[in-house]
Amino acid sequence: TTGEMLPRSELAAMSPDAAHVDLVADADGIAGLDRGPVRVAAALDDVAYVIYTSGSTGVPKGAMITHQGIVNRLPWQADLLKLSPSDAFLHKAPVSFDISINEIF
């Protein structure tokens, strides 16, 4: 179960201000939710995600990537790859590998 992978107490400690949803237990309630865009209040200089180095020095380091970093990268990457709205992109890299960011966004 999801509780065995990451206990609720650990989730709460990791992000005390975030709401957590049990996708299995709350399935009926989730099915009735609005499927429209989610409105989020995030500033461009807020951290969007943390990516960790491979630890080649023996100590992995986390690099905090801001929303502005993503906003800057997306148009650059789309232009570099000549992407259009009708293109699809394969996501195959493990999310723990830094290159996966190119595939996710």
N, C-alpha and C. Protein backbone atom coordinates (compact mmCIF):
# COMPACT_ATOMS: atom_id res chain seq x y z
N THR A 1 0.84 -1.20 0.00
CA THR A 1 0.00 0.00 0.00
C THR A 1 0.87 1.24 0.00
N THR A 2 0.26 2.37 -0.27
CA THR A 2 1.03 3.62 -0.30
C THR A 2 1.58 3.95 1.08
N GLY A 3 0.86 3.59 2.13
CA GLY A 3 1.31 3.87 3.48
C GLY A 3 2.61 3.16 3.81
N GLU A 4 2.83 2.00 3.20
CA GLU A 4 4.06 1.26 3.45
C GLU A 4 5.24 1.91 2.76
N MET A 5 5.00 2.57 1.63
CA MET A 5 6.10 3.21 0.90
C MET A 5 6.55 4.48 1.59
N LEU A 6 5.63 5.29 2.04
CA LEU A 6 5.97 6.55 2.68
C LEU A 6 4.88 6.87 3.71
N PRO A 7 5.17 6.64 4.98
CA PRO A 7 4.16 6.88 6.01
C PRO A 7 3.64 8.31 6.00
N ARG A 8 2.36 8.46 6.35
CA ARG A 8 1.74 9.79 6.39
C ARG A 8 2.52 10.73 7.30
N SER A 9 3.06 10.21 8.40
CA SER A 9 3.82 11.08 9.30
C SER A 9 5.04 11.67 8.60
N GLU A 10 5.68 10.88 7.73
CA GLU A 10 6.83 11.40 6.99
C GLU A 10 6.39 12.42 5.95
N LEU A 11 5.27 12.16 5.28
CA LEU A 11 4.74 13.13 4.32
C LEU A 11 4.45 14.45 5.01
N ALA A 12 3.81 14.38 6.16
CA ALA A 12 3.45 15.60 6.89
C ALA A 12 4.70 16.36 7.33
N ALA A 13 5.73 15.64 7.74
CA ALA A 13 6.97 16.29 8.17
C ALA A 13 7.70 16.93 6.99
N MET A 14 7.61 16.30 5.81
CA MET A 14 8.29 16.81 4.63
C MET A 14 7.64 18.08 4.10
N SER A 15 6.34 18.14 4.19
CA SER A 15 5.61 19.30 3.66
C SER A 15 4.39 19.58 4.53
N PRO A 16 4.61 20.17 5.70
CA PRO A 16 3.52 20.37 6.65
C PRO A 16 2.39 21.26 6.14
N ASP A 17 2.66 22.13 5.18
CA ASP A 17 1.61 23.02 4.67
C ASP A 17 0.87 22.44 3.47
N ALA A 18 1.30 21.30 2.99
CA ALA A 18 0.69 20.71 1.80
C ALA A 18 -0.43 19.75 2.18
N ALA A 19 -1.44 19.70 1.33
CA ALA A 19 -2.52 18.74 1.52
C ALA A 19 -2.08 17.41 0.92
N HIS A 20 -2.46 16.32 1.57
CA HIS A 20 -2.11 15.00 1.07
C HIS A 20 -3.39 14.23 0.78
N VAL A 21 -3.38 13.49 -0.29
CA VAL A 21 -4.55 12.73 -0.71
C VAL A 21 -4.16 11.26 -0.82
N ASP A 22 -4.97 10.40 -0.24
CA ASP A 22 -4.80 8.96 -0.39
C ASP A 22 -5.62 8.56 -1.61
N LEU A 23 -4.96 8.30 -2.73
CA LEU A 23 -5.65 8.06 -4.00
C LEU A 23 -6.57 6.86 -3.96
N VAL A 24 -6.26 5.88 -3.14
CA VAL A 24 -7.11 4.69 -3.04
C VAL A 24 -8.30 4.97 -2.13
N ALA A 25 -8.03 5.45 -0.94
CA ALA A 25 -9.10 5.68 0.03
C ALA A 25 -10.04 6.80 -0.40
N ASP A 26 -9.54 7.79 -1.13
CA ASP A 26 -10.34 8.95 -1.52
C ASP A 26 -10.82 8.90 -2.97
N ALA A 27 -10.79 7.72 -3.59
CA ALA A 27 -11.11 7.59 -5.02
C ALA A 27 -12.49 8.15 -5.37
N ASP A 28 -13.51 7.87 -4.57
CA ASP A 28 -14.86 8.36 -4.89
C ASP A 28 -14.91 9.88 -4.83
N GLY A 29 -14.30 10.47 -3.82
CA GLY A 29 -14.27 11.92 -3.70
C GLY A 29 -13.48 12.57 -4.82
N ILE A 30 -12.39 11.93 -5.22
CA ILE A 30 -11.55 12.46 -6.29
C ILE A 30 -12.31 12.47 -7.61
N ALA A 31 -13.09 11.42 -7.86
CA ALA A 31 -13.84 11.31 -9.12
C ALA A 31 -14.79 12.48 -9.32
N GLY A 32 -15.28 13.07 -8.23
CA GLY A 32 -16.23 14.17 -8.33
C GLY A 32 -15.60 15.55 -8.37
N LEU A 33 -14.29 15.64 -8.35
CA LEU A 33 -13.61 16.94 -8.33
C LEU A 33 -13.61 17.60 -9.70
N ASP A 34 -13.52 18.92 -9.68
CA ASP A 34 -13.41 19.71 -10.91
C ASP A 34 -12.11 19.33 -11.63
N ARG A 35 -12.20 19.10 -12.92
CA ARG A 35 -11.02 18.71 -13.70
C ARG A 35 -10.40 19.89 -14.44
N GLY A 36 -10.81 21.09 -14.10
CA GLY A 36 -10.28 22.28 -14.76
C GLY A 36 -8.88 22.61 -14.27
N PRO A 37 -8.30 23.67 -14.80
CA PRO A 37 -6.95 24.08 -14.40
C PRO A 37 -6.87 24.35 -12.90
N VAL A 38 -5.75 24.00 -12.32
CA VAL A 38 -5.51 24.24 -10.90
C VAL A 38 -4.82 25.59 -10.76
N ARG A 39 -5.37 26.43 -9.93
CA ARG A 39 -4.78 27.74 -9.69
C ARG A 39 -3.80 27.64 -8.52
N VAL A 40 -2.56 28.00 -8.77
CA VAL A 40 -1.51 27.90 -7.76
C VAL A 40 -0.84 29.26 -7.61
N ALA A 41 -0.63 29.65 -6.38
CA ALA A 41 0.07 30.91 -6.11
C ALA A 41 1.55 30.60 -5.89
N ALA A 42 2.35 30.79 -6.93
CA ALA A 42 3.79 30.55 -6.83
C ALA A 42 4.51 31.71 -7.50
N ALA A 43 5.51 32.22 -6.83
CA ALA A 43 6.32 33.30 -7.40
C ALA A 43 7.41 32.70 -8.28
N LEU A 44 7.88 33.47 -9.24
CA LEU A 44 8.91 32.98 -10.15
C LEU A 44 10.18 32.57 -9.42
N ASP A 45 10.47 33.21 -8.28
CA ASP A 45 11.69 32.85 -7.56
C ASP A 45 11.47 31.76 -6.51
N ASP A 46 10.26 31.20 -6.44
CA ASP A 46 9.99 30.06 -5.55
C ASP A 46 10.63 28.81 -6.13
N VAL A 47 11.05 27.91 -5.27
CA VAL A 47 11.64 26.65 -5.72
C VAL A 47 10.54 25.76 -6.29
N ALA A 48 10.76 25.25 -7.50
CA ALA A 48 9.81 24.36 -8.16
C ALA A 48 10.15 22.90 -7.86
N TYR A 49 11.42 22.58 -7.84
CA TYR A 49 11.86 21.22 -7.53
C TYR A 49 13.34 21.25 -7.16
N VAL A 50 13.79 20.17 -6.58
CA VAL A 50 15.20 20.01 -6.22
C VAL A 50 15.72 18.80 -6.97
N ILE A 51 16.83 18.97 -7.67
CA ILE A 51 17.46 17.86 -8.38
C ILE A 51 18.80 17.60 -7.71
N TYR A 52 19.12 16.35 -7.51
CA TYR A 52 20.34 16.00 -6.80
C TYR A 52 21.43 15.54 -7.75
N THR A 53 22.66 15.91 -7.43
CA THR A 53 23.81 15.47 -8.22
C THR A 53 24.02 13.98 -7.99
N SER A 54 24.87 13.40 -8.78
CA SER A 54 25.14 11.96 -8.67
C SER A 54 25.96 11.64 -7.43
N GLY A 55 26.55 12.62 -6.83
CA GLY A 55 27.36 12.37 -5.65
C GLY A 55 28.76 11.91 -5.97
N SER A 56 29.28 12.31 -7.13
CA SER A 56 30.62 11.87 -7.55
C SER A 56 31.70 12.31 -6.57
N THR A 57 31.42 13.34 -5.79
CA THR A 57 32.39 13.79 -4.78
C THR A 57 32.21 13.02 -3.47
N GLY A 58 31.22 12.14 -3.44
CA GLY A 58 30.94 11.38 -2.23
C GLY A 58 29.78 11.95 -1.45
N VAL A 59 29.40 13.17 -1.75
CA VAL A 59 28.28 13.81 -1.06
C VAL A 59 27.34 14.42 -2.10
N PRO A 60 26.19 13.77 -2.34
CA PRO A 60 25.24 14.35 -3.30
C PRO A 60 24.78 15.73 -2.82
N LYS A 61 24.57 16.62 -3.76
CA LYS A 61 24.11 17.97 -3.44
C LYS A 61 22.81 18.24 -4.17
N GLY A 62 21.91 18.94 -3.51
CA GLY A 62 20.64 19.30 -4.13
C GLY A 62 20.72 20.69 -4.74
N ALA A 63 20.32 20.80 -6.00
CA ALA A 63 20.25 22.10 -6.67
C ALA A 63 18.78 22.52 -6.72
N MET A 64 18.48 23.68 -6.15
CA MET A 64 17.11 24.17 -6.11
C MET A 64 16.80 24.89 -7.42
N ILE A 65 15.81 24.40 -8.15
CA ILE A 65 15.43 24.98 -9.43
C ILE A 65 14.15 25.79 -9.24
N THR A 66 14.18 27.04 -9.64
CA THR A 66 13.03 27.93 -9.46
C THR A 66 12.05 27.81 -10.62
N HIS A 67 10.86 28.35 -10.39
CA HIS A 67 9.87 28.41 -11.46
C HIS A 67 10.40 29.25 -12.63
N GLN A 68 11.17 30.30 -12.32
CA GLN A 68 11.75 31.13 -13.38
C GLN A 68 12.69 30.31 -14.24
N GLY A 69 13.43 29.41 -13.63
CA GLY A 69 14.32 28.55 -14.40
C GLY A 69 13.56 27.70 -15.40
N ILE A 70 12.41 27.19 -15.00
CA ILE A 70 11.58 26.39 -15.91
C ILE A 70 11.00 27.29 -17.00
N VAL A 71 10.50 28.46 -16.60
CA VAL A 71 9.92 29.40 -17.56
C VAL A 71 10.96 29.80 -18.61
N ASN A 72 12.21 29.96 -18.21
CA ASN A 72 13.27 30.29 -19.17
C ASN A 72 13.61 29.11 -20.07
N ARG A 73 13.61 27.93 -19.50
CA ARG A 73 14.05 26.75 -20.24
C ARG A 73 13.04 26.27 -21.27
N LEU A 74 11.75 26.32 -20.98
CA LEU A 74 10.75 25.75 -21.88
C LEU A 74 10.77 26.35 -23.28
N PRO A 75 10.72 27.67 -23.44
CA PRO A 75 10.78 28.22 -24.80
C PRO A 75 12.11 27.92 -25.49
N TRP A 76 13.20 27.96 -24.73
CA TRP A 76 14.51 27.66 -25.30
C TRP A 76 14.55 26.23 -25.84
N GLN A 77 14.06 25.29 -25.03
CA GLN A 77 14.07 23.88 -25.43
C GLN A 77 13.14 23.64 -26.62
N ALA A 78 11.96 24.24 -26.60
CA ALA A 78 11.02 24.08 -27.71
C ALA A 78 11.62 24.61 -29.01
N ASP A 79 12.32 25.74 -28.93
CA ASP A 79 12.96 26.31 -30.11
C ASP A 79 14.11 25.44 -30.59
N LEU A 80 14.93 24.98 -29.66
CA LEU A 80 16.07 24.13 -29.99
C LEU A 80 15.62 22.85 -30.71
N LEU A 81 14.56 22.24 -30.20
CA LEU A 81 14.08 20.98 -30.75
C LEU A 81 13.05 21.16 -31.86
N LYS A 82 12.73 22.43 -32.16
CA LYS A 82 11.72 22.75 -33.19
C LYS A 82 10.39 22.06 -32.89
N LEU A 83 9.96 22.14 -31.62
CA LEU A 83 8.71 21.51 -31.20
C LEU A 83 7.51 22.37 -31.56
N SER A 84 6.41 21.73 -31.88
CA SER A 84 5.15 22.43 -32.14
C SER A 84 4.10 21.85 -31.20
N PRO A 85 2.96 22.52 -31.05
CA PRO A 85 1.91 22.02 -30.14
C PRO A 85 1.43 20.61 -30.49
N SER A 86 1.60 20.17 -31.72
CA SER A 86 1.12 18.84 -32.10
C SER A 86 2.16 17.74 -31.85
N ASP A 87 3.36 18.10 -31.43
CA ASP A 87 4.40 17.10 -31.18
C ASP A 87 4.18 16.37 -29.86
N ALA A 88 4.66 15.15 -29.82
CA ALA A 88 4.65 14.34 -28.59
C ALA A 88 6.10 14.08 -28.21
N PHE A 89 6.33 13.87 -26.93
CA PHE A 89 7.69 13.69 -26.43
C PHE A 89 7.71 12.46 -25.55
N LEU A 90 8.61 11.52 -25.79
CA LEU A 90 8.71 10.29 -25.02
C LEU A 90 9.46 10.55 -23.71
N HIS A 91 8.87 10.09 -22.62
CA HIS A 91 9.55 10.18 -21.33
C HIS A 91 10.07 8.80 -20.99
N LYS A 92 11.39 8.62 -21.02
CA LYS A 92 11.97 7.31 -20.79
C LYS A 92 13.05 7.29 -19.71
N ALA A 93 13.59 8.44 -19.36
CA ALA A 93 14.65 8.48 -18.36
C ALA A 93 14.06 8.35 -16.95
N PRO A 94 14.74 7.68 -16.05
CA PRO A 94 14.27 7.62 -14.66
C PRO A 94 14.20 9.03 -14.08
N VAL A 95 13.17 9.32 -13.28
CA VAL A 95 13.02 10.67 -12.74
C VAL A 95 14.17 11.05 -11.81
N SER A 96 14.93 10.07 -11.34
CA SER A 96 16.08 10.38 -10.49
C SER A 96 17.30 10.85 -11.30
N PHE A 97 17.22 10.76 -12.62
CA PHE A 97 18.32 11.16 -13.50
C PHE A 97 18.05 12.59 -13.97
N ASP A 98 19.03 13.47 -13.86
CA ASP A 98 18.79 14.89 -14.15
C ASP A 98 18.29 15.16 -15.57
N ILE A 99 18.65 14.34 -16.53
CA ILE A 99 18.20 14.58 -17.90
C ILE A 99 16.69 14.38 -18.04
N SER A 100 16.07 13.71 -17.07
CA SER A 100 14.61 13.49 -17.13
C SER A 100 13.86 14.81 -17.12
N ILE A 101 14.45 15.86 -16.60
CA ILE A 101 13.80 17.17 -16.57
C ILE A 101 13.47 17.62 -17.98
N ASN A 102 14.35 17.33 -18.94
CA ASN A 102 14.08 17.67 -20.34
C ASN A 102 12.84 16.96 -20.85
N GLU A 103 12.60 15.74 -20.38
CA GLU A 103 11.47 14.96 -20.84
C GLU A 103 10.18 15.32 -20.11
N ILE A 104 10.29 15.71 -18.86
CA ILE A 104 9.10 16.04 -18.06
C ILE A 104 8.51 17.37 -18.50
N PHE A 105 9.37 18.38 -18.66
CA PHE A 105 8.89 19.70 -19.03
C PHE A 105 9.07 19.94 -20.51
